[in-house]
Amino acid sequence: MAFKSLIIAALLSVFGQLSANAQNQDSVVYQVFDALTADAAPLPKNAEKLLEGHEWEALAYWDSQDEKVFENMHEAVGDIYQFIAPGFSIKPVNPQNSNEYLSAITGSFTRNNRTLILKAQSGNELALDITFIDEHYLILEIEGLRVFFTQVRSFNTH
């Protein structure tokens, strides 16, 4: 339970809410919102290859229990997820200093179609569902919380 709580708490630590005054509905933030709130897309045949090896940075999240309105999308801390079979690593950003990472959470993972089961070295498990993946973007759902990831880091930690 502590593993799950740590991951969800890290995702919910917010630098700030995304601006409701985005330039227009064609802006990138609206495209992220549309992706987060869309139905799950079919997984491509090369989903495993797309998932593994890359560092995925969390950028935004939306709780699927909330209404599908732009104001319910929030900026996520830049936690970094990486999957290299059979292992995973999550580097959570320090909520007190966004330029630092806390100790990495590591363990093993298995994938069954859309579901990733992460088993931390502590033995705790967490199920993540892939709702979207392509060459650049990933959306994972954790107990109704949808998180948008990109392979490109949005900030430098040096």
C-alpha atoms as a PDB file:
ATOM      1  CA  MET A   1       0.000   0.000   0.000  1.00  0.00           C
ATOM      2  CA  ALA A   2       2.870   2.417   0.735  1.00  0.00           C
ATOM      3  CA  PHE A   3       4.213   1.928  -2.808  1.00  0.00           C
ATOM      4  CA  LYS A   4       0.874   2.813  -4.374  1.00  0.00           C
ATOM      5  CA  SER A   5       0.435   5.797  -2.046  1.00  0.00           C
ATOM      6  CA  LEU A   6       3.915   7.118  -2.862  1.00  0.00           C
ATOM      7  CA  ILE A   7       3.334   6.915  -6.613  1.00  0.00           C
ATOM      8  CA  ILE A   8      -0.093   8.561  -6.470  1.00  0.00           C
ATOM      9  CA  ALA A   9       1.114  11.246  -4.022  1.00  0.00           C
ATOM     10  CA  ALA A  10       4.051  12.041  -6.306  1.00  0.00           C
ATOM     11  CA  LEU A  11       1.732  12.404  -9.289  1.00  0.00           C
ATOM     12  CA  LEU A  12      -0.643  14.650  -7.386  1.00  0.00           C
ATOM     13  CA  SER A  13       2.102  16.999  -6.171  1.00  0.00           C
ATOM     14  CA  VAL A  14       1.359  19.889  -8.449  1.00  0.00           C
ATOM     15  CA  PHE A  15       3.667  22.699  -9.576  1.00  0.00           C
ATOM     16  CA  GLY A  16       0.531  24.580 -10.616  1.00  0.00           C
ATOM     17  CA  GLN A  17      -2.659  24.179 -12.560  1.00  0.00           C
ATOM     18  CA  LEU A  18      -2.420  24.458 -16.343  1.00  0.00           C
ATOM     19  CA  SER A  19      -3.637  27.787 -17.562  1.00  0.00           C
ATOM     20  CA  ALA A  20      -7.337  27.912 -18.323  1.00  0.00           C
ATOM     21  CA  ASN A  21      -6.515  30.837 -20.587  1.00  0.00           C
ATOM     22  CA  ALA A  22      -4.634  28.781 -23.176  1.00  0.00           C
ATOM     23  CA  GLN A  23      -4.226  30.526 -26.518  1.00  0.00           C
ATOM     24  CA  ASN A  24      -7.003  28.569 -28.252  1.00  0.00           C
ATOM     25  CA  GLN A  25      -8.637  25.186 -28.400  1.00  0.00           C
ATOM     26  CA  ASP A  26      -6.025  24.032 -30.961  1.00  0.00           C
ATOM     27  CA  SER A  27      -3.180  24.647 -28.509  1.00  0.00           C
ATOM     28  CA  VAL A  28      -0.980  21.816 -27.285  1.00  0.00           C
ATOM     29  CA  VAL A  29      -2.546  21.848 -23.796  1.00  0.00           C
ATOM     30  CA  TYR A  30      -5.998  21.281 -25.292  1.00  0.00           C
ATOM     31  CA  GLN A  31      -4.598  18.413 -27.371  1.00  0.00           C
ATOM     32  CA  VAL A  32      -3.166  16.878 -24.170  1.00  0.00           C
ATOM     33  CA  PHE A  33      -6.565  17.319 -22.481  1.00  0.00           C
ATOM     34  CA  ASP A  34      -8.334  15.650 -25.412  1.00  0.00           C
ATOM     35  CA  ALA A  35      -5.887  12.730 -25.273  1.00  0.00           C
ATOM     36  CA  LEU A  36      -6.290  12.305 -21.490  1.00  0.00           C
ATOM     37  CA  THR A  37     -10.085  12.282 -21.650  1.00  0.00           C
ATOM     38  CA  ALA A  38     -10.478  10.111 -24.780  1.00  0.00           C
ATOM     39  CA  ASP A  39     -11.449   6.453 -24.769  1.00  0.00           C
ATOM     40  CA  ALA A  40      -8.543   4.013 -24.698  1.00  0.00           C
ATOM     41  CA  ALA A  41      -6.952   3.655 -28.126  1.00  0.00           C
ATOM     42  CA  PRO A  42      -6.112   0.248 -29.592  1.00  0.00           C
ATOM     43  CA  LEU A  43      -2.546  -0.708 -28.738  1.00  0.00           C
ATOM     44  CA  PRO A  44      -0.180  -0.845 -31.701  1.00  0.00           C
ATOM     45  CA  LYS A  45       1.452  -4.184 -32.462  1.00  0.00           C
ATOM     46  CA  ASN A  46       4.833  -2.772 -31.411  1.00  0.00           C
ATOM     47  CA  ALA A  47       3.596  -1.453 -28.033  1.00  0.00           C
ATOM     48  CA  GLU A  48       6.309  -3.355 -26.168  1.00  0.00           C
ATOM     49  CA  LYS A  49       9.038  -1.768 -28.293  1.00  0.00           C
ATOM     50  CA  LEU A  50       7.467   1.690 -27.904  1.00  0.00           C
ATOM     51  CA  LEU A  51       7.226   1.331 -24.109  1.00  0.00           C
ATOM     52  CA  GLU A  52      10.653  -0.044 -23.311  1.00  0.00           C
ATOM     53  CA  GLY A  53      13.962   1.740 -22.998  1.00  0.00           C
ATOM     54  CA  HIS A  54      12.701   5.305 -23.122  1.00  0.00           C
ATOM     55  CA  GLU A  55      12.506   7.655 -20.170  1.00  0.00           C
ATOM     56  CA  TRP A  56       8.888   8.792 -19.876  1.00  0.00           C
ATOM     57  CA  GLU A  57       8.287  12.111 -18.096  1.00  0.00           C
ATOM     58  CA  ALA A  58       4.896  12.797 -16.488  1.00  0.00           C
ATOM     59  CA  LEU A  59       3.466  16.110 -17.712  1.00  0.00           C
ATOM     60  CA  ALA A  60      -0.236  16.265 -16.902  1.00  0.00           C
ATOM     61  CA  TYR A  61      -2.986  14.302 -15.201  1.00  0.00           C
ATOM     62  CA  TRP A  62      -6.766  14.112 -15.048  1.00  0.00           C
ATOM     63  CA  ASP A  63      -8.915  12.147 -12.596  1.00  0.00           C
ATOM     64  CA  SER A  64     -11.516  10.224 -14.608  1.00  0.00           C
ATOM     65  CA  GLN A  65     -14.007  10.705 -11.771  1.00  0.00           C
ATOM     66  CA  ASP A  66     -13.937  14.447 -12.528  1.00  0.00           C
ATOM     67  CA  GLU A  67     -15.991  16.109 -15.213  1.00  0.00           C
ATOM     68  CA  LYS A  68     -14.347  16.255 -18.655  1.00  0.00           C
ATOM     69  CA  VAL A  69     -13.616  19.976 -18.530  1.00  0.00           C
ATOM     70  CA  PHE A  70     -10.273  21.615 -19.229  1.00  0.00           C
ATOM     71  CA  GLU A  71     -10.035  23.092 -15.730  1.00  0.00           C
ATOM     72  CA  ASN A  72      -9.865  19.549 -14.273  1.00  0.00           C
ATOM     73  CA  MET A  73      -6.575  18.798 -16.019  1.00  0.00           C
ATOM     74  CA  HIS A  74      -3.511  19.523 -13.885  1.00  0.00           C
ATOM     75  CA  GLU A  75       0.204  19.772 -14.434  1.00  0.00           C
ATOM     76  CA  ALA A  76       2.069  16.793 -12.992  1.00  0.00           C
ATOM     77  CA  VAL A  77       5.495  16.824 -11.442  1.00  0.00           C
ATOM     78  CA  GLY A  78       8.110  15.531 -13.868  1.00  0.00           C
ATOM     79  CA  ASP A  79       8.487  12.032 -12.442  1.00  0.00           C
ATOM     80  CA  ILE A  80      10.482   9.809 -14.794  1.00  0.00           C
ATOM     81  CA  TYR A  81       9.310   6.250 -15.559  1.00  0.00           C
ATOM     82  CA  GLN A  82      11.486   3.774 -17.430  1.00  0.00           C
ATOM     83  CA  PHE A  83      10.709   0.209 -18.438  1.00  0.00           C
ATOM     84  CA  ILE A  84      13.491  -2.163 -19.497  1.00  0.00           C
ATOM     85  CA  ALA A  85      12.205  -5.743 -19.274  1.00  0.00           C
ATOM     86  CA  PRO A  86      11.999  -7.239 -16.831  1.00  0.00           C
ATOM     87  CA  GLY A  87      12.660  -4.145 -14.699  1.00  0.00           C
ATOM     88  CA  PHE A  88      11.274  -0.682 -14.133  1.00  0.00           C
ATOM     89  CA  SER A  89      12.526   2.463 -12.466  1.00  0.00           C
ATOM     90  CA  ILE A  90      10.557   5.462 -11.248  1.00  0.00           C
ATOM     91  CA  LYS A  91      12.461   8.604 -10.305  1.00  0.00           C
ATOM     92  CA  PRO A  92      10.022  10.811  -8.362  1.00  0.00           C
ATOM     93  CA  VAL A  93      10.674  14.553  -8.298  1.00  0.00           C
ATOM     94  CA  ASN A  94      11.229  16.000  -4.828  1.00  0.00           C
ATOM     95  CA  PRO A  95       8.054  18.024  -4.063  1.00  0.00           C
ATOM     96  CA  GLN A  96      10.132  20.514  -2.037  1.00  0.00           C
ATOM     97  CA  ASN A  97      12.697  21.049  -4.813  1.00  0.00           C
ATOM     98  CA  SER A  98      11.642  20.396  -8.390  1.00  0.00           C
ATOM     99  CA  ASN A  99      15.291  20.247  -9.490  1.00  0.00           C
ATOM    100  CA  GLU A 100      15.982  17.111  -7.415  1.00  0.00           C
ATOM    101  CA  TYR A 101      14.802  13.524  -7.534  1.00  0.00           C
ATOM    102  CA  LEU A 102      13.996  11.352  -4.548  1.00  0.00           C
ATOM    103  CA  SER A 103      15.441   7.834  -4.344  1.00  0.00           C
ATOM    104  CA  ALA A 104      14.370   5.778  -7.334  1.00  0.00           C
ATOM    105  CA  ILE A 105      11.733   3.093  -6.921  1.00  0.00           C
ATOM    106  CA  THR A 106      12.813  -0.037  -8.765  1.00  0.00           C
ATOM    107  CA  GLY A 107      11.493  -3.500  -9.333  1.00  0.00           C
ATOM    108  CA  SER A 108      10.149  -5.770 -12.020  1.00  0.00           C
ATOM    109  CA  PHE A 109       7.158  -5.509 -14.307  1.00  0.00           C
ATOM    110  CA  THR A 110       5.033  -7.753 -16.441  1.00  0.00           C
ATOM    111  CA  ARG A 111       2.645  -6.766 -19.204  1.00  0.00           C
ATOM    112  CA  ASN A 112      -0.629  -8.491 -19.986  1.00  0.00           C
ATOM    113  CA  ASN A 113      -2.130  -6.723 -23.007  1.00  0.00           C
ATOM    114  CA  ARG A 114      -2.936  -3.210 -21.638  1.00  0.00           C
ATOM    115  CA  THR A 115      -2.021  -3.848 -18.015  1.00  0.00           C
ATOM    116  CA  LEU A 116       1.423  -3.334 -16.540  1.00  0.00           C
ATOM    117  CA  ILE A 117       1.963  -4.908 -13.125  1.00  0.00           C
ATOM    118  CA  LEU A 118       4.803  -3.195 -11.296  1.00  0.00           C
ATOM    119  CA  LYS A 119       6.289  -5.115  -8.389  1.00  0.00           C
ATOM    120  CA  ALA A 120       8.640  -2.993  -6.297  1.00  0.00           C
ATOM    121  CA  GLN A 121      11.645  -4.548  -4.602  1.00  0.00           C
ATOM    122  CA  SER A 122       9.674  -4.129  -1.364  1.00  0.00           C
ATOM    123  CA  GLY A 123       7.109  -6.586  -2.749  1.00  0.00           C
ATOM    124  CA  ASN A 124       4.341  -4.000  -3.189  1.00  0.00           C
ATOM    125  CA  GLU A 125       2.450  -4.121  -6.479  1.00  0.00           C
ATOM    126  CA  LEU A 126       0.731  -1.519  -8.616  1.00  0.00           C
ATOM    127  CA  ALA A 127      -1.370  -2.045 -11.752  1.00  0.00           C
ATOM    128  CA  LEU A 128      -1.177   0.525 -14.549  1.00  0.00           C
ATOM    129  CA  ASP A 129      -3.308   0.446 -17.691  1.00  0.00           C
ATOM    130  CA  ILE A 130      -1.954   1.754 -20.981  1.00  0.00           C
ATOM    131  CA  THR A 131      -4.678   3.892 -22.581  1.00  0.00           C
ATOM    132  CA  PHE A 132      -2.441   5.265 -25.343  1.00  0.00           C
ATOM    133  CA  ILE A 133       1.101   4.825 -26.653  1.00  0.00           C
ATOM    134  CA  ASP A 134       2.976   5.950 -29.743  1.00  0.00           C
ATOM    135  CA  GLU A 135       6.545   6.970 -30.635  1.00  0.00           C
ATOM    136  CA  HIS A 136       6.438  10.075 -28.422  1.00  0.00           C
ATOM    137  CA  TYR A 137       3.544   9.879 -25.961  1.00  0.00           C
ATOM    138  CA  LEU A 138       2.168   7.526 -23.328  1.00  0.00           C
ATOM    139  CA  ILE A 139      -0.984   7.696 -21.215  1.00  0.00           C
ATOM    140  CA  LEU A 140      -1.221   5.435 -18.182  1.00  0.00           C
ATOM    141  CA  GLU A 141      -4.238   5.028 -15.906  1.00  0.00           C
ATOM    142  CA  ILE A 142      -3.716   4.303 -12.216  1.00  0.00           C
ATOM    143  CA  GLU A 143      -6.986   3.653 -10.375  1.00  0.00           C
ATOM    144  CA  GLY A 144      -8.855   6.193 -12.501  1.00  0.00           C
ATOM    145  CA  LEU A 145      -6.053   8.761 -12.533  1.00  0.00           C
ATOM    146  CA  ARG A 146      -4.833   9.264 -16.111  1.00  0.00           C
ATOM    147  CA  VAL A 147      -1.287  10.540 -16.554  1.00  0.00           C
ATOM    148  CA  PHE A 148       0.142  11.940 -19.788  1.00  0.00           C
ATOM    149  CA  PHE A 149       3.851  11.247 -20.443  1.00  0.00           C
ATOM    150  CA  THR A 150       6.286  12.339 -23.116  1.00  0.00           C
ATOM    151  CA  GLN A 151       9.781  11.115 -23.981  1.00  0.00           C
ATOM    152  CA  VAL A 152      11.126  14.672 -24.076  1.00  0.00           C
ATOM    153  CA  ARG A 153      12.062  16.182 -20.709  1.00  0.00           C
ATOM    154  CA  SER A 154      10.476  19.560 -20.038  1.00  0.00           C
ATOM    155  CA  PHE A 155      13.158  20.751 -17.631  1.00  0.00           C
ATOM    156  CA  ASN A 156      16.863  20.270 -16.957  1.00  0.00           C
ATOM    157  CA  THR A 157      17.843  18.950 -13.512  1.00  0.00           C
ATOM    158  CA  HIS A 158      21.406  20.324 -13.608  1.00  0.00           C
END
